[in-house]
Amino acid sequence: MILPPQTRDLARRLIAHQGAAGNTSEPMEFAAFRVCDTLRRPVCALAGVPGFRSLHSRDLALARAEAPCLSAVQVAADGSLQGLGELGRQMDKDQVREE
């Protein structure tokens, strides 16, 4: 599925904003997870927890197509993401292999 340029631009801006507000030693990829967590409450208020979980699960499935390392990440019953610690360890291993 190809996203419209406006959607990708909005996502990039949200991630950049969250990255600037977060821990600068943290990889930028983790800013995307903070954006998801920040949006969880307002989206749950509109669509309910099951609606947010459904959206989040779909987003994660689409993201896995581009980043297979996300296979360790799961959407919990409350809509939060689990397995980010494993993802961080996998990213560290990948960086070591690249160097």
Protein backbone atom coordinates (compact mmCIF):
# COMPACT_ATOMS: atom_id res chain seq x y z
CA MET A 1 0.00 0.00 0.00
CA ILE A 2 1.39 3.39 -0.99
CA LEU A 3 0.64 6.30 1.32
CA PRO A 4 -0.20 9.71 -0.09
CA PRO A 5 2.70 12.20 0.17
CA GLN A 6 0.72 14.34 2.62
CA THR A 7 0.37 11.39 5.03
CA ARG A 8 4.08 10.59 4.88
CA ASP A 9 4.90 14.27 5.40
CA LEU A 10 2.65 14.46 8.46
CA ALA A 11 4.25 11.31 9.90
CA ARG A 12 7.74 12.70 9.32
CA ARG A 13 6.83 15.97 11.01
CA LEU A 14 5.28 14.21 14.02
CA ILE A 15 8.35 12.00 14.41
CA ALA A 16 10.74 14.95 14.03
CA HIS A 17 8.80 16.93 16.63
CA GLN A 18 8.75 14.01 19.06
CA GLY A 19 12.44 13.31 18.39
CA ALA A 20 13.35 16.89 19.23
CA ALA A 21 11.40 16.67 22.48
CA GLY A 22 12.90 13.34 23.54
CA ASN A 23 16.22 11.91 24.58
CA THR A 24 18.73 12.92 21.90
CA SER A 25 20.89 9.83 22.50
CA GLU A 26 17.95 7.61 21.57
CA PRO A 27 17.65 6.43 17.94
CA MET A 28 15.14 8.45 15.89
CA GLU A 29 13.16 5.25 15.24
CA PHE A 30 12.04 5.26 18.87
CA ALA A 31 10.48 8.70 18.39
CA ALA A 32 7.91 6.99 16.16
CA PHE A 33 6.93 4.72 19.04
CA ARG A 34 6.59 7.75 21.33
CA VAL A 35 4.30 9.39 18.74
CA CYS A 36 2.10 6.28 18.78
CA ASP A 37 1.94 6.32 22.55
CA THR A 38 1.14 10.04 22.61
CA LEU A 39 -1.73 9.53 20.16
CA ARG A 40 -3.14 6.52 22.01
CA ARG A 41 -5.28 8.44 24.52
CA PRO A 42 -6.99 10.85 22.12
CA VAL A 43 -7.60 8.16 19.50
CA CYS A 44 -8.96 5.78 22.15
CA ALA A 45 -11.34 8.54 23.25
CA LEU A 46 -12.67 8.75 19.68
CA ALA A 47 -12.52 5.15 18.49
CA GLY A 48 -12.28 3.20 21.74
CA VAL A 49 -9.47 0.88 22.72
CA PRO A 50 -10.54 -1.84 20.25
CA GLY A 51 -10.57 0.72 17.44
CA PHE A 52 -7.12 1.99 18.33
CA ARG A 53 -5.78 -1.57 18.65
CA SER A 54 -7.15 -2.36 15.22
CA LEU A 55 -5.52 0.71 13.66
CA HIS A 56 -2.27 0.12 15.51
CA SER A 57 -2.16 -3.56 14.51
CA ARG A 58 -2.69 -2.62 10.88
CA ASP A 59 0.01 0.05 11.05
CA LEU A 60 2.42 -2.42 12.60
CA ALA A 61 1.67 -5.02 9.93
CA LEU A 62 2.37 -2.46 7.18
CA ALA A 63 5.56 -1.32 8.91
CA ARG A 64 6.82 -4.90 9.18
CA ALA A 65 6.85 -5.07 5.38
CA GLU A 66 9.49 -2.33 5.38
CA ALA A 67 11.25 -3.28 8.63
CA PRO A 68 11.15 -7.03 9.38
CA CYS A 69 12.91 -6.40 12.72
CA LEU A 70 9.49 -5.24 13.97
CA SER A 71 8.38 -8.87 14.17
CA ALA A 72 9.29 -8.81 17.89
CA VAL A 73 6.86 -5.94 18.53
CA GLN A 74 3.23 -6.71 19.42
CA VAL A 75 0.17 -4.58 20.20
CA ALA A 76 -1.02 -5.19 23.78
CA ALA A 77 -4.66 -5.34 24.87
CA ASP A 78 -4.56 -1.65 25.90
CA GLY A 79 -3.09 -0.61 22.53
CA SER A 80 0.44 -0.08 23.80
CA LEU A 81 3.43 -1.68 22.11
CA GLN A 82 5.28 -4.57 23.70
CA GLY A 83 8.65 -5.95 22.67
CA LEU A 84 10.43 -2.65 22.14
CA GLY A 85 13.29 -3.82 24.36
CA GLU A 86 13.87 -6.77 22.05
CA LEU A 87 13.73 -4.42 19.08
CA GLY A 88 16.43 -2.24 20.67
CA ARG A 89 18.67 -5.24 21.18
CA GLN A 90 18.08 -6.35 17.57
CA MET A 91 18.92 -2.86 16.29
CA ASP A 92 22.15 -2.91 18.33
CA LYS A 93 23.10 -6.27 16.79
CA ASP A 94 22.36 -4.96 13.29
CA GLN A 95 24.54 -1.88 13.90
CA VAL A 96 27.42 -4.06 15.07
CA ARG A 97 27.11 -6.20 11.91
CA GLU A 98 27.16 -3.09 9.69
CA GLU A 99 30.37 -1.72 11.28
